[in-house]
Amino acid sequence: MQNPQALAALQDRLDSITHSPCVMDSLPPPVRRRVKALKNLQVKSAHVEAKFYEEVHELERKYASLYQPLFDKRKAIVTGAVEPTDEECEWQSDHEDEELADELQNKASIEEKKEAETEGAAPENPKGIPEFWLTIFRSVDMLSDMLQEHDEPILRHLQDIKVIFSGPGEPMSFTLEFHFEPNNYFKNTVLTKVYKMKSEPDFEEPFSFEGPEIISCEGCEIDWHKGKDVTFKTIKKKQKHKGRGIIRTVTKQVPADSFFNFFNPIKGTQIEVDDEDSELTLTTDFEIGHFFRERIVPRAVLYFTGEALEDDDSFEEEELDEGEEEVG
């Protein structure tokens, strides 16, 4: 029978060194042996977790087909292909706001009528929801950081963004599809970005596994119309001949900032050792792809109205409040 006092002393010792980086070195060999057994169990647990996430991916793929008719209807309304019925347009808050807003609405209607009579024109009724996706790009910080002024006329032609999951038995991945109406900028009707994922513990660092992670991404070639490629700009440069002293002006194409560089991502094999800037760019790319998939595409209308942005801000504030500590 084990000595209770000896066991208590051992437990106290374990408790005192729990946070030590050299905890294993401080343990008696028999205890160290048992901890190794626990670590092997933890590795097996990580592999079970990986299987769990694989099944989650299958569920996502299954339910994507159920969501798609709703997203197709969204696209039809945004582009003006269909006009929603009065019943479809009735929103729960409409009744709540009616009594409070009646006076303002009546006043606005009178003013609009006067303006229409003065100008001899009917009130504007644009097709669909103009600049739906462009408005979202402008509103979301992660996307607006990539957006340039010369990108905006192109994104006015963006009609839809879809997420396509890899099929059964295929390596885990998802594809973002950006659907454009015919335009004067490029010939493509769909631009794609494929994100390849891994859902298995790393052999060398199995305890770092926290679920599926994006491991690489692949863009597509944009077939630009002549002179319309916004990912490059033309600059003029003066050159002086060393011997004759003659100065000439040459033009050259150099890369330009643009959202459309999103479709020409850095590949992992292009990153040199200790190239922190490229690694950061690639990490940001993965985050943007994940954000499109998890938030923008499923909740597009809420980002258009700004309601999702308010939710995101509230979440961040709550996190900060929780992490605050009193000083002094």
C-alpha atoms as a PDB file:
ATOM      1  CA  MET A   1       0.000   0.000   0.000  1.00  0.00           C
ATOM      2  CA  GLN A   2       1.343   3.434  -0.913  1.00  0.00           C
ATOM      3  CA  ASN A   3       2.290   5.846   1.867  1.00  0.00           C
ATOM      4  CA  PRO A   4      -0.420   8.614   1.880  1.00  0.00           C
ATOM      5  CA  GLN A   5       2.073  11.149   3.170  1.00  0.00           C
ATOM      6  CA  ALA A   6       4.491  10.329   0.357  1.00  0.00           C
ATOM      7  CA  LEU A   7       1.696  10.639  -2.222  1.00  0.00           C
ATOM      8  CA  ALA A   8       0.596  13.976  -0.746  1.00  0.00           C
ATOM      9  CA  ALA A   9       4.162  15.244  -0.849  1.00  0.00           C
ATOM     10  CA  LEU A  10       4.455  14.146  -4.485  1.00  0.00           C
ATOM     11  CA  GLN A  11       1.198  15.903  -5.345  1.00  0.00           C
ATOM     12  CA  ASP A  12       2.396  19.100  -3.694  1.00  0.00           C
ATOM     13  CA  ARG A  13       5.561  18.863  -5.705  1.00  0.00           C
ATOM     14  CA  LEU A  14       3.628  18.376  -8.938  1.00  0.00           C
ATOM     15  CA  ASP A  15       1.398  21.348  -8.113  1.00  0.00           C
ATOM     16  CA  SER A  16       4.370  23.579  -7.452  1.00  0.00           C
ATOM     17  CA  ILE A  17       6.025  22.820 -10.780  1.00  0.00           C
ATOM     18  CA  THR A  18       2.964  22.671 -13.042  1.00  0.00           C
ATOM     19  CA  HIS A  19       3.895  25.906 -14.825  1.00  0.00           C
ATOM     20  CA  SER A  20       7.599  25.141 -15.033  1.00  0.00           C
ATOM     21  CA  PRO A  21       8.986  24.635 -18.566  1.00  0.00           C
ATOM     22  CA  CYS A  22      11.168  21.819 -17.217  1.00  0.00           C
ATOM     23  CA  VAL A  23       8.373  19.959 -15.457  1.00  0.00           C
ATOM     24  CA  MET A  24       9.259  16.615 -17.055  1.00  0.00           C
ATOM     25  CA  ASP A  25      12.882  16.904 -15.918  1.00  0.00           C
ATOM     26  CA  SER A  26      11.704  17.462 -12.352  1.00  0.00           C
ATOM     27  CA  LEU A  27       9.504  14.354 -12.199  1.00  0.00           C
ATOM     28  CA  PRO A  28      10.561  10.961 -10.832  1.00  0.00           C
ATOM     29  CA  PRO A  29      11.140   8.460 -13.692  1.00  0.00           C
ATOM     30  CA  PRO A  30       7.965   6.396 -12.956  1.00  0.00           C
ATOM     31  CA  VAL A  31       5.784   9.542 -13.057  1.00  0.00           C
ATOM     32  CA  ARG A  32       7.551  10.790 -16.177  1.00  0.00           C
ATOM     33  CA  ARG A  33       6.779   7.447 -17.832  1.00  0.00           C
ATOM     34  CA  ARG A  34       3.074   7.817 -17.017  1.00  0.00           C
ATOM     35  CA  VAL A  35       2.985  11.386 -18.349  1.00  0.00           C
ATOM     36  CA  LYS A  36       4.375  10.092 -21.644  1.00  0.00           C
ATOM     37  CA  ALA A  37       1.459   7.661 -21.752  1.00  0.00           C
ATOM     38  CA  LEU A  38      -0.912  10.613 -21.287  1.00  0.00           C
ATOM     39  CA  LYS A  39       0.776  12.497 -24.113  1.00  0.00           C
ATOM     40  CA  ASN A  40       0.267   9.511 -26.404  1.00  0.00           C
ATOM     41  CA  LEU A  41      -3.400   9.568 -25.443  1.00  0.00           C
ATOM     42  CA  GLN A  42      -3.462  13.272 -26.282  1.00  0.00           C
ATOM     43  CA  VAL A  43      -2.069  12.550 -29.766  1.00  0.00           C
ATOM     44  CA  LYS A  44      -4.799   9.954 -30.322  1.00  0.00           C
ATOM     45  CA  SER A  45      -7.342  12.517 -29.124  1.00  0.00           C
ATOM     46  CA  ALA A  46      -6.058  15.000 -31.703  1.00  0.00           C
ATOM     47  CA  HIS A  47      -6.588  12.436 -34.460  1.00  0.00           C
ATOM     48  CA  VAL A  48     -10.162  11.820 -33.260  1.00  0.00           C
ATOM     49  CA  GLU A  49     -10.696  15.598 -33.315  1.00  0.00           C
ATOM     50  CA  ALA A  50      -9.391  15.684 -36.890  1.00  0.00           C
ATOM     51  CA  LYS A  51     -12.022  13.117 -37.884  1.00  0.00           C
ATOM     52  CA  PHE A  52     -14.649  15.263 -36.197  1.00  0.00           C
ATOM     53  CA  TYR A  53     -13.687  18.272 -38.335  1.00  0.00           C
ATOM     54  CA  GLU A  54     -13.729  16.136 -41.480  1.00  0.00           C
ATOM     55  CA  GLU A  55     -17.337  15.244 -40.727  1.00  0.00           C
ATOM     56  CA  VAL A  56     -18.110  18.902 -40.018  1.00  0.00           C
ATOM     57  CA  HIS A  57     -16.756  19.698 -43.497  1.00  0.00           C
ATOM     58  CA  GLU A  58     -19.091  17.065 -44.955  1.00  0.00           C
ATOM     59  CA  LEU A  59     -22.012  18.676 -43.114  1.00  0.00           C
ATOM     60  CA  GLU A  60     -21.019  22.091 -44.463  1.00  0.00           C
ATOM     61  CA  ARG A  61     -20.970  20.661 -47.968  1.00  0.00           C
ATOM     62  CA  LYS A  62     -24.395  19.058 -47.434  1.00  0.00           C
ATOM     63  CA  TYR A  63     -26.002  22.210 -46.082  1.00  0.00           C
ATOM     64  CA  ALA A  64     -24.373  24.391 -48.737  1.00  0.00           C
ATOM     65  CA  SER A  65     -26.817  22.862 -51.223  1.00  0.00           C
ATOM     66  CA  LEU A  66     -29.699  23.890 -48.942  1.00  0.00           C
ATOM     67  CA  TYR A  67     -28.418  27.456 -48.588  1.00  0.00           C
ATOM     68  CA  GLN A  68     -27.734  27.886 -52.315  1.00  0.00           C
ATOM     69  CA  PRO A  69     -31.355  28.491 -53.461  1.00  0.00           C
ATOM     70  CA  LEU A  70     -31.550  31.321 -50.908  1.00  0.00           C
ATOM     71  CA  PHE A  71     -28.285  32.808 -52.155  1.00  0.00           C
ATOM     72  CA  ASP A  72     -29.482  32.460 -55.763  1.00  0.00           C
ATOM     73  CA  LYS A  73     -32.622  34.427 -54.845  1.00  0.00           C
ATOM     74  CA  ARG A  74     -30.416  37.031 -53.184  1.00  0.00           C
ATOM     75  CA  LYS A  75     -28.416  37.411 -56.381  1.00  0.00           C
ATOM     76  CA  ALA A  76     -31.599  37.725 -58.456  1.00  0.00           C
ATOM     77  CA  ILE A  77     -32.884  40.544 -56.237  1.00  0.00           C
ATOM     78  CA  VAL A  78     -29.507  42.322 -56.087  1.00  0.00           C
ATOM     79  CA  THR A  79     -29.098  42.269 -59.865  1.00  0.00           C
ATOM     80  CA  GLY A  80     -32.724  43.183 -60.539  1.00  0.00           C
ATOM     81  CA  ALA A  81     -33.466  39.919 -62.330  1.00  0.00           C
ATOM     82  CA  VAL A  82     -36.566  39.545 -60.158  1.00  0.00           C
ATOM     83  CA  GLU A  83     -38.664  41.971 -58.148  1.00  0.00           C
ATOM     84  CA  PRO A  84     -39.576  40.636 -54.685  1.00  0.00           C
ATOM     85  CA  THR A  85     -43.254  40.482 -53.778  1.00  0.00           C
ATOM     86  CA  ASP A  86     -44.843  42.776 -51.206  1.00  0.00           C
ATOM     87  CA  GLU A  87     -45.024  39.829 -48.825  1.00  0.00           C
ATOM     88  CA  GLU A  88     -41.301  39.122 -49.269  1.00  0.00           C
ATOM     89  CA  CYS A  89     -40.491  42.783 -48.603  1.00  0.00           C
ATOM     90  CA  GLU A  90     -42.440  43.041 -45.364  1.00  0.00           C
ATOM     91  CA  TRP A  91     -40.006  43.193 -42.455  1.00  0.00           C
ATOM     92  CA  GLN A  92     -40.895  42.716 -38.785  1.00  0.00           C
ATOM     93  CA  SER A  93     -39.666  46.164 -37.711  1.00  0.00           C
ATOM     94  CA  ASP A  94     -41.839  47.909 -40.306  1.00  0.00           C
ATOM     95  CA  HIS A  95     -44.903  47.804 -38.028  1.00  0.00           C
ATOM     96  CA  GLU A  96     -42.918  49.012 -35.025  1.00  0.00           C
ATOM     97  CA  ASP A  97     -41.598  52.011 -36.911  1.00  0.00           C
ATOM     98  CA  GLU A  98     -44.783  52.996 -38.722  1.00  0.00           C
ATOM     99  CA  GLU A  99     -46.446  55.026 -35.975  1.00  0.00           C
ATOM    100  CA  LEU A 100     -43.241  56.810 -34.990  1.00  0.00           C
ATOM    101  CA  ALA A 101     -42.219  57.609 -38.539  1.00  0.00           C
ATOM    102  CA  ASP A 102     -45.593  58.442 -40.142  1.00  0.00           C
ATOM    103  CA  GLU A 103     -45.218  62.188 -39.764  1.00  0.00           C
ATOM    104  CA  LEU A 104     -41.657  62.211 -41.125  1.00  0.00           C
ATOM    105  CA  GLN A 105     -42.576  59.906 -43.989  1.00  0.00           C
ATOM    106  CA  ASN A 106     -45.537  62.081 -44.986  1.00  0.00           C
ATOM    107  CA  LYS A 107     -43.362  65.180 -44.888  1.00  0.00           C
ATOM    108  CA  ALA A 108     -40.703  63.473 -46.988  1.00  0.00           C
ATOM    109  CA  SER A 109     -43.292  62.315 -49.516  1.00  0.00           C
ATOM    110  CA  ILE A 110     -44.619  65.869 -49.901  1.00  0.00           C
ATOM    111  CA  GLU A 111     -41.099  67.214 -50.432  1.00  0.00           C
ATOM    112  CA  GLU A 112     -40.277  64.473 -52.952  1.00  0.00           C
ATOM    113  CA  LYS A 113     -43.498  65.202 -54.834  1.00  0.00           C
ATOM    114  CA  LYS A 114     -42.674  68.908 -55.006  1.00  0.00           C
ATOM    115  CA  GLU A 115     -39.167  68.152 -56.273  1.00  0.00           C
ATOM    116  CA  ALA A 116     -40.514  65.743 -58.881  1.00  0.00           C
ATOM    117  CA  GLU A 117     -43.030  68.323 -60.100  1.00  0.00           C
ATOM    118  CA  THR A 118     -40.363  71.012 -60.205  1.00  0.00           C
ATOM    119  CA  GLU A 119     -37.905  68.843 -62.134  1.00  0.00           C
ATOM    120  CA  GLY A 120     -40.552  67.115 -64.207  1.00  0.00           C
ATOM    121  CA  ALA A 121     -39.054  63.717 -63.389  1.00  0.00           C
ATOM    122  CA  ALA A 122     -40.347  60.627 -61.600  1.00  0.00           C
ATOM    123  CA  PRO A 123     -38.676  59.457 -58.369  1.00  0.00           C
ATOM    124  CA  GLU A 124     -35.589  57.367 -59.067  1.00  0.00           C
ATOM    125  CA  ASN A 125     -36.130  53.605 -59.064  1.00  0.00           C
ATOM    126  CA  PRO A 126     -32.815  51.936 -59.901  1.00  0.00           C
ATOM    127  CA  LYS A 127     -32.565  48.329 -60.969  1.00  0.00           C
ATOM    128  CA  GLY A 128     -31.948  45.849 -58.154  1.00  0.00           C
ATOM    129  CA  ILE A 129     -29.644  47.037 -55.369  1.00  0.00           C
ATOM    130  CA  PRO A 130     -26.864  49.132 -56.939  1.00  0.00           C
ATOM    131  CA  GLU A 131     -23.305  48.677 -55.674  1.00  0.00           C
ATOM    132  CA  PHE A 132     -24.385  45.957 -53.248  1.00  0.00           C
ATOM    133  CA  TRP A 133     -21.045  44.151 -53.061  1.00  0.00           C
ATOM    134  CA  LEU A 134     -18.981  47.316 -53.524  1.00  0.00           C
ATOM    135  CA  THR A 135     -20.706  48.821 -50.476  1.00  0.00           C
ATOM    136  CA  ILE A 136     -19.697  45.759 -48.466  1.00  0.00           C
ATOM    137  CA  PHE A 137     -16.091  46.078 -49.654  1.00  0.00           C
ATOM    138  CA  ARG A 138     -16.037  49.719 -48.599  1.00  0.00           C
ATOM    139  CA  SER A 139     -17.549  48.974 -45.177  1.00  0.00           C
ATOM    140  CA  VAL A 140     -15.412  46.041 -44.030  1.00  0.00           C
ATOM    141  CA  ASP A 141     -11.965  47.167 -42.886  1.00  0.00           C
ATOM    142  CA  MET A 142     -10.263  43.959 -43.988  1.00  0.00           C
ATOM    143  CA  LEU A 143     -11.516  44.492 -47.547  1.00  0.00           C
ATOM    144  CA  SER A 144     -11.368  48.281 -47.738  1.00  0.00           C
ATOM    145  CA  ASP A 145      -7.649  48.081 -46.928  1.00  0.00           C
ATOM    146  CA  MET A 146      -7.151  46.288 -50.269  1.00  0.00           C
ATOM    147  CA  LEU A 147      -9.589  48.437 -52.217  1.00  0.00           C
ATOM    148  CA  GLN A 148      -8.174  51.122 -54.505  1.00  0.00           C
ATOM    149  CA  GLU A 149     -10.072  53.871 -56.290  1.00  0.00           C
ATOM    150  CA  HIS A 150      -9.427  52.244 -59.674  1.00  0.00           C
ATOM    151  CA  ASP A 151     -10.946  48.967 -58.390  1.00  0.00           C
ATOM    152  CA  GLU A 152     -14.349  50.479 -57.644  1.00  0.00           C
ATOM    153  CA  PRO A 153     -15.671  50.835 -61.229  1.00  0.00           C
ATOM    154  CA  ILE A 154     -14.837  47.151 -61.770  1.00  0.00           C
ATOM    155  CA  LEU A 155     -16.493  45.957 -58.563  1.00  0.00           C
ATOM    156  CA  ARG A 156     -19.699  47.705 -59.593  1.00  0.00           C
ATOM    157  CA  HIS A 157     -20.011  44.799 -62.047  1.00  0.00           C
ATOM    158  CA  LEU A 158     -19.704  42.160 -59.278  1.00  0.00           C
ATOM    159  CA  GLN A 159     -23.001  40.289 -59.098  1.00  0.00           C
ATOM    160  CA  ASP A 160     -22.351  37.489 -56.623  1.00  0.00           C
ATOM    161  CA  ILE A 161     -19.786  35.706 -54.457  1.00  0.00           C
ATOM    162  CA  LYS A 162     -20.136  31.963 -53.879  1.00  0.00           C
ATOM    163  CA  VAL A 163     -18.377  29.434 -51.645  1.00  0.00           C
ATOM    164  CA  ILE A 164     -17.928  25.992 -53.218  1.00  0.00           C
ATOM    165  CA  PHE A 165     -16.799  23.138 -50.957  1.00  0.00           C
ATOM    166  CA  SER A 166     -14.698  20.221 -52.164  1.00  0.00           C
ATOM    167  CA  GLY A 167     -16.627  17.066 -53.043  1.00  0.00           C
ATOM    168  CA  PRO A 168     -16.802  13.732 -51.217  1.00  0.00           C
ATOM    169  CA  GLY A 169     -13.468  11.907 -51.151  1.00  0.00           C
ATOM    170  CA  GLU A 170     -11.560  14.969 -52.366  1.00  0.00           C
ATOM    171  CA  PRO A 171      -8.862  16.736 -50.321  1.00  0.00           C
ATOM    172  CA  MET A 172     -10.430  19.339 -48.036  1.00  0.00           C
ATOM    173  CA  SER A 173     -10.705  22.745 -49.726  1.00  0.00           C
ATOM    174  CA  PHE A 174     -13.109  25.519 -50.614  1.00  0.00           C
ATOM    175  CA  THR A 175     -13.315  27.837 -53.603  1.00  0.00           C
ATOM    176  CA  LEU A 176     -14.454  31.447 -53.667  1.00  0.00           C
ATOM    177  CA  GLU A 177     -16.185  32.363 -56.919  1.00  0.00           C
ATOM    178  CA  PHE A 178     -16.626  36.028 -57.852  1.00  0.00           C
ATOM    179  CA  HIS A 179     -19.292  36.348 -60.552  1.00  0.00           C
ATOM    180  CA  PHE A 180     -19.176  39.429 -62.803  1.00  0.00           C
ATOM    181  CA  GLU A 181     -21.520  40.713 -65.462  1.00  0.00           C
ATOM    182  CA  PRO A 182     -19.918  41.411 -68.872  1.00  0.00           C
ATOM    183  CA  ASN A 183     -17.720  44.479 -68.588  1.00  0.00           C
ATOM    184  CA  ASN A 184     -15.027  46.504 -70.342  1.00  0.00           C
ATOM    185  CA  TYR A 185     -12.238  45.449 -67.977  1.00  0.00           C
ATOM    186  CA  PHE A 186     -11.755  41.698 -68.433  1.00  0.00           C
ATOM    187  CA  LYS A 187     -13.262  38.825 -70.376  1.00  0.00           C
ATOM    188  CA  ASN A 188     -13.756  36.464 -67.404  1.00  0.00           C
ATOM    189  CA  THR A 189     -17.268  36.091 -66.041  1.00  0.00           C
ATOM    190  CA  VAL A 190     -16.005  34.247 -62.945  1.00  0.00           C
ATOM    191  CA  LEU A 191     -12.802  34.808 -60.966  1.00  0.00           C
ATOM    192  CA  THR A 192     -11.796  32.054 -58.553  1.00  0.00           C
ATOM    193  CA  LYS A 193      -9.619  31.594 -55.493  1.00  0.00           C
ATOM    194  CA  VAL A 194      -9.038  28.064 -54.145  1.00  0.00           C
ATOM    195  CA  TYR A 195      -8.040  27.524 -50.512  1.00  0.00           C
ATOM    196  CA  LYS A 196      -6.567  24.107 -49.719  1.00  0.00           C
ATOM    197  CA  MET A 197      -6.908  22.903 -46.151  1.00  0.00           C
ATOM    198  CA  LYS A 198      -5.432  20.315 -43.836  1.00  0.00           C
ATOM    199  CA  SER A 199      -7.296  18.658 -41.000  1.00  0.00           C
ATOM    200  CA  GLU A 200      -4.768  16.388 -39.369  1.00  0.00           C
ATOM    201  CA  PRO A 201      -2.234  16.855 -36.583  1.00  0.00           C
ATOM    202  CA  ASP A 202       1.289  17.707 -37.628  1.00  0.00           C
ATOM    203  CA  PHE A 203       3.627  14.749 -37.149  1.00  0.00           C
ATOM    204  CA  GLU A 204       6.305  16.819 -35.432  1.00  0.00           C
ATOM    205  CA  GLU A 205       3.942  19.102 -33.463  1.00  0.00           C
ATOM    206  CA  PRO A 206       0.710  17.150 -32.928  1.00  0.00           C
ATOM    207  CA  PHE A 207      -0.336  19.241 -29.898  1.00  0.00           C
ATOM    208  CA  SER A 208      -0.571  22.385 -32.011  1.00  0.00           C
ATOM    209  CA  PHE A 209      -3.654  21.017 -33.802  1.00  0.00           C
ATOM    210  CA  GLU A 210      -6.704  23.265 -33.314  1.00  0.00           C
ATOM    211  CA  GLY A 211      -8.824  22.209 -36.259  1.00  0.00           C
ATOM    212  CA  PRO A 212      -8.598  22.609 -40.043  1.00  0.00           C
ATOM    213  CA  GLU A 213      -6.105  25.161 -41.299  1.00  0.00           C
ATOM    214  CA  ILE A 214      -5.524  26.685 -44.710  1.00  0.00           C
ATOM    215  CA  ILE A 215      -2.170  25.506 -46.042  1.00  0.00           C
ATOM    216  CA  SER A 216      -2.111  27.080 -49.501  1.00  0.00           C
ATOM    217  CA  CYS A 217      -4.190  29.038 -51.975  1.00  0.00           C
ATOM    218  CA  GLU A 218      -4.367  29.351 -55.729  1.00  0.00           C
ATOM    219  CA  GLY A 219      -5.806  32.195 -57.759  1.00  0.00           C
ATOM    220  CA  CYS A 220      -6.700  32.451 -61.416  1.00  0.00           C
ATOM    221  CA  GLU A 221      -5.527  34.283 -64.502  1.00  0.00           C
ATOM    222  CA  ILE A 222      -7.495  37.421 -65.285  1.00  0.00           C
ATOM    223  CA  ASP A 223      -7.934  37.964 -69.015  1.00  0.00           C
ATOM    224  CA  TRP A 224      -7.728  41.754 -69.022  1.00  0.00           C
ATOM    225  CA  HIS A 225      -8.827  43.840 -71.966  1.00  0.00           C
ATOM    226  CA  LYS A 226      -5.971  45.839 -73.460  1.00  0.00           C
ATOM    227  CA  GLY A 227      -4.927  48.738 -71.250  1.00  0.00           C
ATOM    228  CA  LYS A 228      -7.378  47.800 -68.458  1.00  0.00           C
ATOM    229  CA  ASP A 229      -5.121  45.790 -66.112  1.00  0.00           C
ATOM    230  CA  VAL A 230      -5.293  47.708 -62.805  1.00  0.00           C
ATOM    231  CA  THR A 231      -2.688  45.456 -61.146  1.00  0.00           C
ATOM    232  CA  PHE A 232       0.031  47.247 -63.128  1.00  0.00           C
ATOM    233  CA  LYS A 233       0.729  50.877 -63.804  1.00  0.00           C
ATOM    234  CA  THR A 234       2.903  52.589 -66.407  1.00  0.00           C
ATOM    235  CA  ILE A 235       5.609  54.915 -65.173  1.00  0.00           C
ATOM    236  CA  LYS A 236       8.008  57.134 -67.067  1.00  0.00           C
ATOM    237  CA  LYS A 237      11.669  57.075 -66.156  1.00  0.00           C
ATOM    238  CA  LYS A 238      14.518  59.246 -67.413  1.00  0.00           C
ATOM    239  CA  GLN A 239      17.787  57.555 -68.356  1.00  0.00           C
ATOM    240  CA  LYS A 240      21.101  59.252 -69.056  1.00  0.00           C
ATOM    241  CA  HIS A 241      23.636  57.715 -71.438  1.00  0.00           C
ATOM    242  CA  LYS A 242      26.944  57.345 -69.586  1.00  0.00           C
ATOM    243  CA  GLY A 243      29.176  58.247 -72.521  1.00  0.00           C
ATOM    244  CA  ARG A 244      27.173  60.705 -74.598  1.00  0.00           C
ATOM    245  CA  GLY A 245      25.193  62.329 -71.799  1.00  0.00           C
ATOM    246  CA  ILE A 246      22.004  62.008 -73.822  1.00  0.00           C
ATOM    247  CA  ILE A 247      18.816  61.784 -71.743  1.00  0.00           C
ATOM    248  CA  ARG A 248      15.914  59.671 -72.883  1.00  0.00           C
ATOM    249  CA  THR A 249      12.551  58.888 -71.348  1.00  0.00           C
ATOM    250  CA  VAL A 250      11.412  55.269 -71.156  1.00  0.00           C
ATOM    251  CA  THR A 251       8.153  53.787 -69.933  1.00  0.00           C
ATOM    252  CA  LYS A 252       7.862  50.587 -67.947  1.00  0.00           C
ATOM    253  CA  GLN A 253       5.162  48.523 -66.266  1.00  0.00           C
ATOM    254  CA  VAL A 254       5.383  48.120 -62.492  1.00  0.00           C
ATOM    255  CA  PRO A 255       3.035  46.359 -60.033  1.00  0.00           C
ATOM    256  CA  ALA A 256       0.229  48.493 -58.615  1.00  0.00           C
ATOM    257  CA  ASP A 257      -1.859  48.101 -55.474  1.00  0.00           C
ATOM    258  CA  SER A 258      -5.249  46.614 -56.283  1.00  0.00           C
ATOM    259  CA  PHE A 259      -7.855  44.293 -54.807  1.00  0.00           C
ATOM    260  CA  PHE A 260      -7.400  42.155 -57.912  1.00  0.00           C
ATOM    261  CA  ASN A 261      -3.936  41.138 -56.718  1.00  0.00           C
ATOM    262  CA  PHE A 262      -6.029  38.877 -54.474  1.00  0.00           C
ATOM    263  CA  PHE A 263      -6.250  36.501 -57.440  1.00  0.00           C
ATOM    264  CA  ASN A 264      -2.471  36.279 -57.770  1.00  0.00           C
ATOM    265  CA  PRO A 265      -1.405  35.191 -54.281  1.00  0.00           C
ATOM    266  CA  ILE A 266       2.071  34.478 -53.000  1.00  0.00           C
ATOM    267  CA  LYS A 267       2.775  30.754 -52.993  1.00  0.00           C
ATOM    268  CA  GLY A 268       4.389  29.142 -49.978  1.00  0.00           C
ATOM    269  CA  THR A 269       7.278  27.940 -52.151  1.00  0.00           C
ATOM    270  CA  GLN A 270       8.051  31.560 -53.097  1.00  0.00           C
ATOM    271  CA  ILE A 271       8.665  32.600 -49.497  1.00  0.00           C
ATOM    272  CA  GLU A 272      12.312  32.697 -48.516  1.00  0.00           C
ATOM    273  CA  VAL A 273      13.525  31.882 -45.033  1.00  0.00           C
ATOM    274  CA  ASP A 274      12.951  34.778 -42.599  1.00  0.00           C
ATOM    275  CA  ASP A 275      10.822  36.655 -45.179  1.00  0.00           C
ATOM    276  CA  GLU A 276       8.425  38.045 -42.576  1.00  0.00           C
ATOM    277  CA  ASP A 277       6.621  40.422 -44.971  1.00  0.00           C
ATOM    278  CA  SER A 278       5.685  37.615 -47.362  1.00  0.00           C
ATOM    279  CA  GLU A 279       4.628  35.348 -44.517  1.00  0.00           C
ATOM    280  CA  LEU A 280       2.413  38.129 -43.140  1.00  0.00           C
ATOM    281  CA  THR A 281       0.900  38.691 -46.596  1.00  0.00           C
ATOM    282  CA  LEU A 282       0.124  34.988 -46.935  1.00  0.00           C
ATOM    283  CA  THR A 283      -1.370  34.806 -43.433  1.00  0.00           C
ATOM    284  CA  THR A 284      -3.547  37.837 -44.160  1.00  0.00           C
ATOM    285  CA  ASP A 285      -4.664  36.215 -47.410  1.00  0.00           C
ATOM    286  CA  PHE A 286      -5.764  33.112 -45.496  1.00  0.00           C
ATOM    287  CA  GLU A 287      -7.666  35.274 -42.992  1.00  0.00           C
ATOM    288  CA  ILE A 288      -9.472  37.126 -45.793  1.00  0.00           C
ATOM    289  CA  GLY A 289     -10.467  33.868 -47.487  1.00  0.00           C
ATOM    290  CA  HIS A 290     -11.800  32.518 -44.206  1.00  0.00           C
ATOM    291  CA  PHE A 291     -13.689  35.783 -43.577  1.00  0.00           C
ATOM    292  CA  PHE A 292     -15.368  35.627 -46.978  1.00  0.00           C
ATOM    293  CA  ARG A 293     -16.404  32.036 -46.334  1.00  0.00           C
ATOM    294  CA  GLU A 294     -17.572  32.345 -42.737  1.00  0.00           C
ATOM    295  CA  ARG A 295     -19.072  35.826 -42.612  1.00  0.00           C
ATOM    296  CA  ILE A 296     -19.321  37.869 -45.823  1.00  0.00           C
ATOM    297  CA  VAL A 297     -21.044  35.339 -48.069  1.00  0.00           C
ATOM    298  CA  PRO A 298     -23.510  33.928 -45.499  1.00  0.00           C
ATOM    299  CA  ARG A 299     -24.439  37.350 -44.028  1.00  0.00           C
ATOM    300  CA  ALA A 300     -23.941  39.711 -46.963  1.00  0.00           C
ATOM    301  CA  VAL A 301     -27.080  41.824 -46.448  1.00  0.00           C
ATOM    302  CA  LEU A 302     -26.090  42.531 -42.823  1.00  0.00           C
ATOM    303  CA  TYR A 303     -22.701  43.820 -43.949  1.00  0.00           C
ATOM    304  CA  PHE A 304     -24.441  45.908 -46.593  1.00  0.00           C
ATOM    305  CA  THR A 305     -26.701  47.544 -43.987  1.00  0.00           C
ATOM    306  CA  GLY A 306     -23.908  47.768 -41.410  1.00  0.00           C
ATOM    307  CA  GLU A 307     -25.686  45.636 -38.812  1.00  0.00           C
ATOM    308  CA  ALA A 308     -23.019  42.913 -38.925  1.00  0.00           C
ATOM    309  CA  LEU A 309     -20.338  45.578 -38.486  1.00  0.00           C
ATOM    310  CA  GLU A 310     -22.065  46.741 -35.295  1.00  0.00           C
ATOM    311  CA  ASP A 311     -22.104  43.149 -34.035  1.00  0.00           C
ATOM    312  CA  ASP A 312     -18.385  42.776 -34.795  1.00  0.00           C
ATOM    313  CA  ASP A 313     -17.584  46.043 -32.977  1.00  0.00           C
ATOM    314  CA  SER A 314     -19.627  45.015 -29.934  1.00  0.00           C
ATOM    315  CA  PHE A 315     -17.853  41.684 -29.775  1.00  0.00           C
ATOM    316  CA  GLU A 316     -14.444  43.350 -29.874  1.00  0.00           C
ATOM    317  CA  GLU A 317     -15.428  45.820 -27.157  1.00  0.00           C
ATOM    318  CA  GLU A 318     -16.664  43.043 -24.888  1.00  0.00           C
ATOM    319  CA  GLU A 319     -13.399  41.182 -25.317  1.00  0.00           C
ATOM    320  CA  LEU A 320     -11.393  44.281 -24.465  1.00  0.00           C
ATOM    321  CA  ASP A 321     -13.532  45.036 -21.427  1.00  0.00           C
ATOM    322  CA  GLU A 322     -13.094  41.521 -20.149  1.00  0.00           C
ATOM    323  CA  GLY A 323      -9.343  41.673 -20.578  1.00  0.00           C
ATOM    324  CA  GLU A 324      -8.903  45.042 -18.871  1.00  0.00           C
ATOM    325  CA  GLU A 325      -7.102  45.220 -15.543  1.00  0.00           C
ATOM    326  CA  GLU A 326      -7.186  48.003 -13.039  1.00  0.00           C
ATOM    327  CA  VAL A 327      -3.863  49.790 -12.641  1.00  0.00           C
ATOM    328  CA  GLY A 328      -2.698  51.305  -9.371  1.00  0.00           C
END
